[in-house]
N, C-alpha and C. Protein backbone atom coordinates (compact mmCIF):
# COMPACT_ATOMS: atom_id res chain seq x y z
N MET A 1 0.85 -1.17 0.00
CA MET A 1 0.00 0.00 0.00
C MET A 1 0.91 1.24 0.00
N PRO A 2 0.57 2.26 -0.80
CA PRO A 2 1.40 3.47 -0.82
C PRO A 2 1.34 4.23 0.51
N VAL A 3 2.39 4.94 0.82
CA VAL A 3 2.43 5.77 2.02
C VAL A 3 1.81 7.11 1.67
N LEU A 4 0.79 7.48 2.39
CA LEU A 4 0.08 8.74 2.16
C LEU A 4 0.30 9.68 3.35
N PRO A 5 0.24 10.98 3.12
CA PRO A 5 0.34 11.93 4.24
C PRO A 5 -0.81 11.73 5.23
N ASP A 6 -0.60 12.09 6.47
CA ASP A 6 -1.62 11.92 7.52
C ASP A 6 -2.86 12.78 7.30
N SER A 7 -2.74 13.81 6.46
CA SER A 7 -3.90 14.64 6.16
C SER A 7 -3.79 15.18 4.73
N TYR A 8 -4.93 15.61 4.22
CA TYR A 8 -5.00 16.19 2.87
C TYR A 8 -5.79 17.48 2.97
N SER A 9 -5.25 18.58 2.47
CA SER A 9 -5.91 19.88 2.58
C SER A 9 -6.27 20.42 1.21
N PHE A 10 -7.38 21.16 1.15
CA PHE A 10 -7.78 21.84 -0.08
C PHE A 10 -8.73 22.98 0.27
N TRP A 11 -8.86 23.91 -0.65
CA TRP A 11 -9.72 25.08 -0.46
C TRP A 11 -11.06 24.84 -1.14
N ILE A 12 -12.17 25.09 -0.41
CA ILE A 12 -13.50 25.00 -1.04
C ILE A 12 -14.02 26.38 -1.43
N SER A 13 -13.33 27.40 -1.00
CA SER A 13 -13.61 28.78 -1.43
C SER A 13 -12.32 29.56 -1.25
N ASP A 14 -12.34 30.82 -1.62
CA ASP A 14 -11.15 31.65 -1.48
C ASP A 14 -10.73 31.82 -0.02
N SER A 15 -11.66 31.62 0.89
CA SER A 15 -11.37 31.89 2.30
C SER A 15 -11.55 30.70 3.23
N TYR A 16 -11.85 29.50 2.69
CA TYR A 16 -12.12 28.37 3.58
C TYR A 16 -11.37 27.12 3.13
N LYS A 17 -10.47 26.67 4.01
CA LYS A 17 -9.63 25.51 3.73
C LYS A 17 -10.10 24.31 4.55
N ILE A 18 -10.15 23.16 3.92
CA ILE A 18 -10.56 21.90 4.56
C ILE A 18 -9.32 21.04 4.77
N GLU A 19 -9.24 20.39 5.91
CA GLU A 19 -8.18 19.41 6.13
C GLU A 19 -8.82 18.08 6.50
N LEU A 20 -8.55 17.08 5.68
CA LEU A 20 -9.13 15.75 5.88
C LEU A 20 -8.10 14.83 6.53
N ALA A 21 -8.53 14.07 7.51
CA ALA A 21 -7.65 13.12 8.19
C ALA A 21 -7.60 11.80 7.43
N LEU A 22 -6.42 11.20 7.40
CA LEU A 22 -6.26 9.89 6.78
C LEU A 22 -6.71 8.81 7.75
N VAL A 23 -7.59 7.95 7.30
CA VAL A 23 -8.06 6.81 8.08
C VAL A 23 -7.48 5.56 7.44
N LYS A 24 -6.83 4.73 8.24
CA LYS A 24 -6.18 3.54 7.72
C LYS A 24 -6.83 2.27 8.26
N THR A 25 -7.03 1.31 7.39
CA THR A 25 -7.45 -0.03 7.77
C THR A 25 -6.41 -0.98 7.16
N PRO A 26 -6.46 -2.24 7.48
CA PRO A 26 -5.46 -3.15 6.90
C PRO A 26 -5.46 -3.19 5.36
N LYS A 27 -6.61 -2.95 4.73
CA LYS A 27 -6.70 -3.05 3.27
C LYS A 27 -7.00 -1.74 2.56
N LEU A 28 -7.20 -0.66 3.30
CA LEU A 28 -7.67 0.57 2.69
C LEU A 28 -7.16 1.79 3.43
N GLN A 29 -6.88 2.85 2.68
CA GLN A 29 -6.58 4.16 3.25
C GLN A 29 -7.53 5.15 2.59
N ILE A 30 -8.17 6.00 3.37
CA ILE A 30 -9.11 6.96 2.81
C ILE A 30 -9.06 8.25 3.62
N TYR A 31 -9.18 9.37 2.93
CA TYR A 31 -9.28 10.65 3.62
C TYR A 31 -10.75 10.84 3.97
N SER A 32 -11.03 10.99 5.24
CA SER A 32 -12.40 11.02 5.74
C SER A 32 -12.83 12.43 6.13
N PHE A 33 -14.13 12.67 6.03
CA PHE A 33 -14.66 13.95 6.48
C PHE A 33 -16.04 13.76 7.10
N ASN A 34 -16.41 14.70 7.94
CA ASN A 34 -17.71 14.71 8.59
C ASN A 34 -18.16 16.16 8.65
N MET A 35 -19.23 16.50 7.94
CA MET A 35 -19.72 17.88 7.87
C MET A 35 -20.67 18.22 9.02
N LEU A 36 -20.99 17.25 9.87
CA LEU A 36 -21.92 17.49 10.97
C LEU A 36 -21.38 18.58 11.88
N GLY A 37 -22.15 19.63 12.07
CA GLY A 37 -21.78 20.72 12.94
C GLY A 37 -20.86 21.76 12.31
N GLN A 38 -20.54 21.59 11.04
CA GLN A 38 -19.63 22.49 10.34
C GLN A 38 -20.43 23.56 9.59
N THR A 39 -20.90 24.58 10.28
CA THR A 39 -21.81 25.59 9.72
C THR A 39 -21.24 26.26 8.48
N GLU A 40 -20.03 26.78 8.57
CA GLU A 40 -19.46 27.53 7.44
C GLU A 40 -19.20 26.60 6.25
N TRP A 41 -18.67 25.43 6.50
CA TRP A 41 -18.40 24.45 5.45
C TRP A 41 -19.70 24.08 4.73
N ASN A 42 -20.75 23.77 5.49
CA ASN A 42 -22.04 23.43 4.89
C ASN A 42 -22.59 24.58 4.07
N SER A 43 -22.48 25.79 4.58
CA SER A 43 -23.00 26.96 3.88
C SER A 43 -22.29 27.18 2.55
N ILE A 44 -20.97 27.12 2.55
CA ILE A 44 -20.20 27.32 1.32
C ILE A 44 -20.55 26.24 0.29
N CYS A 45 -20.59 24.99 0.72
CA CYS A 45 -20.92 23.90 -0.20
C CYS A 45 -22.36 24.01 -0.72
N ALA A 46 -23.28 24.39 0.14
CA ALA A 46 -24.68 24.53 -0.28
C ALA A 46 -24.83 25.64 -1.32
N ILE A 47 -24.13 26.74 -1.13
CA ILE A 47 -24.18 27.82 -2.12
C ILE A 47 -23.68 27.34 -3.46
N ARG A 48 -22.58 26.64 -3.46
CA ARG A 48 -22.00 26.15 -4.71
C ARG A 48 -22.90 25.09 -5.36
N MET A 49 -23.48 24.21 -4.56
CA MET A 49 -24.40 23.20 -5.10
C MET A 49 -25.64 23.86 -5.68
N ALA A 50 -26.20 24.84 -4.98
CA ALA A 50 -27.39 25.54 -5.46
C ALA A 50 -27.10 26.24 -6.79
N GLU A 51 -25.93 26.86 -6.89
CA GLU A 51 -25.56 27.50 -8.16
C GLU A 51 -25.57 26.50 -9.30
N LYS A 52 -25.00 25.32 -9.07
CA LYS A 52 -24.96 24.28 -10.11
C LYS A 52 -26.37 23.78 -10.44
N LEU A 53 -27.18 23.55 -9.43
CA LEU A 53 -28.55 23.09 -9.67
C LEU A 53 -29.36 24.12 -10.46
N LEU A 54 -29.19 25.39 -10.13
CA LEU A 54 -29.92 26.45 -10.83
C LEU A 54 -29.39 26.64 -12.25
N GLU A 55 -28.08 26.53 -12.45
CA GLU A 55 -27.48 26.62 -13.79
C GLU A 55 -28.06 25.57 -14.71
N GLN A 56 -28.22 24.37 -14.19
CA GLN A 56 -28.71 23.25 -14.99
C GLN A 56 -30.24 23.17 -15.01
N LYS A 57 -30.89 24.12 -14.37
CA LYS A 57 -32.35 24.17 -14.28
C LYS A 57 -32.96 22.92 -13.64
N PHE A 58 -32.23 22.33 -12.69
CA PHE A 58 -32.72 21.16 -11.97
C PHE A 58 -33.74 21.52 -10.91
N ARG A 59 -33.73 22.74 -10.43
CA ARG A 59 -34.58 23.14 -9.30
C ARG A 59 -36.04 22.82 -9.54
N ASP A 60 -36.52 22.93 -10.76
CA ASP A 60 -37.93 22.67 -11.05
C ASP A 60 -38.23 21.20 -11.31
N ASN A 61 -37.22 20.35 -11.24
CA ASN A 61 -37.40 18.94 -11.59
C ASN A 61 -37.42 18.00 -10.40
N PHE A 62 -37.44 18.52 -9.20
CA PHE A 62 -37.55 17.65 -8.03
C PHE A 62 -38.35 18.34 -6.94
N ASP A 63 -38.95 17.52 -6.08
CA ASP A 63 -39.80 18.02 -5.02
C ASP A 63 -39.18 17.91 -3.63
N ALA A 64 -38.14 17.10 -3.51
CA ALA A 64 -37.54 16.87 -2.20
C ALA A 64 -36.07 16.52 -2.36
N MET A 65 -35.34 16.70 -1.27
CA MET A 65 -33.95 16.28 -1.21
C MET A 65 -33.81 15.31 -0.05
N VAL A 66 -32.98 14.30 -0.23
CA VAL A 66 -32.81 13.27 0.79
C VAL A 66 -31.33 13.13 1.10
N ALA A 67 -31.02 13.05 2.37
CA ALA A 67 -29.65 12.80 2.81
C ALA A 67 -29.61 11.40 3.43
N ILE A 68 -28.64 10.61 3.03
CA ILE A 68 -28.62 9.22 3.52
C ILE A 68 -27.87 9.05 4.83
N GLU A 69 -27.17 10.08 5.26
CA GLU A 69 -26.45 10.00 6.54
C GLU A 69 -26.69 11.28 7.33
N ALA A 70 -26.67 11.16 8.64
CA ALA A 70 -26.86 12.33 9.50
C ALA A 70 -25.78 13.38 9.26
N LYS A 71 -24.59 12.93 8.82
CA LYS A 71 -23.48 13.86 8.60
C LYS A 71 -23.81 14.91 7.54
N SER A 72 -24.77 14.64 6.67
CA SER A 72 -25.08 15.58 5.59
C SER A 72 -26.36 16.38 5.84
N LEU A 73 -26.96 16.25 7.00
CA LEU A 73 -28.20 16.97 7.28
C LEU A 73 -28.02 18.49 7.28
N GLY A 74 -26.92 18.99 7.81
CA GLY A 74 -26.66 20.44 7.80
C GLY A 74 -26.57 20.97 6.39
N LEU A 75 -25.93 20.20 5.51
CA LEU A 75 -25.83 20.58 4.10
C LEU A 75 -27.22 20.62 3.46
N MET A 76 -28.03 19.60 3.72
CA MET A 76 -29.38 19.56 3.14
C MET A 76 -30.24 20.70 3.67
N GLN A 77 -30.10 21.02 4.95
CA GLN A 77 -30.88 22.12 5.52
C GLN A 77 -30.51 23.44 4.84
N GLU A 78 -29.23 23.70 4.69
CA GLU A 78 -28.79 24.95 4.08
C GLU A 78 -29.15 24.99 2.60
N LEU A 79 -29.00 23.89 1.90
CA LEU A 79 -29.37 23.83 0.48
C LEU A 79 -30.88 24.04 0.31
N SER A 80 -31.67 23.44 1.19
CA SER A 80 -33.12 23.63 1.15
C SER A 80 -33.49 25.09 1.37
N ARG A 81 -32.85 25.73 2.32
CA ARG A 81 -33.12 27.15 2.59
C ARG A 81 -32.81 28.00 1.36
N ILE A 82 -31.66 27.78 0.76
CA ILE A 82 -31.25 28.57 -0.40
C ILE A 82 -32.21 28.37 -1.57
N LEU A 83 -32.66 27.13 -1.78
CA LEU A 83 -33.53 26.83 -2.93
C LEU A 83 -35.01 27.08 -2.66
N GLY A 84 -35.35 27.46 -1.42
CA GLY A 84 -36.72 27.82 -1.11
C GLY A 84 -37.62 26.67 -0.71
N PHE A 85 -37.03 25.55 -0.31
CA PHE A 85 -37.84 24.43 0.20
C PHE A 85 -38.14 24.70 1.67
N LYS A 86 -39.38 24.45 2.07
CA LYS A 86 -39.74 24.62 3.47
C LYS A 86 -39.35 23.40 4.29
N ARG A 87 -39.18 22.25 3.63
CA ARG A 87 -38.81 21.00 4.32
C ARG A 87 -37.77 20.28 3.49
N TYR A 88 -37.05 19.41 4.13
CA TYR A 88 -36.08 18.57 3.42
C TYR A 88 -36.10 17.18 4.01
């Protein structure tokens, strides 16, 4: 297995940098993240997702958004607010 750095960093906006921790198992290495409780991170990502959805005119083609893990509920809440959904 290749040796990877203990963390991986990248910018999601001009002013917000993310650092992901490396999680190792005997057969796999993955950079992991958890957006739960990350207000600014969720807000920035929701704005960017909403821009993409509106660019592609997807907003009128769905009635609901579903998150499969609790870690993404903050993102869904912020995205719902931006797109004008009263519920998510």
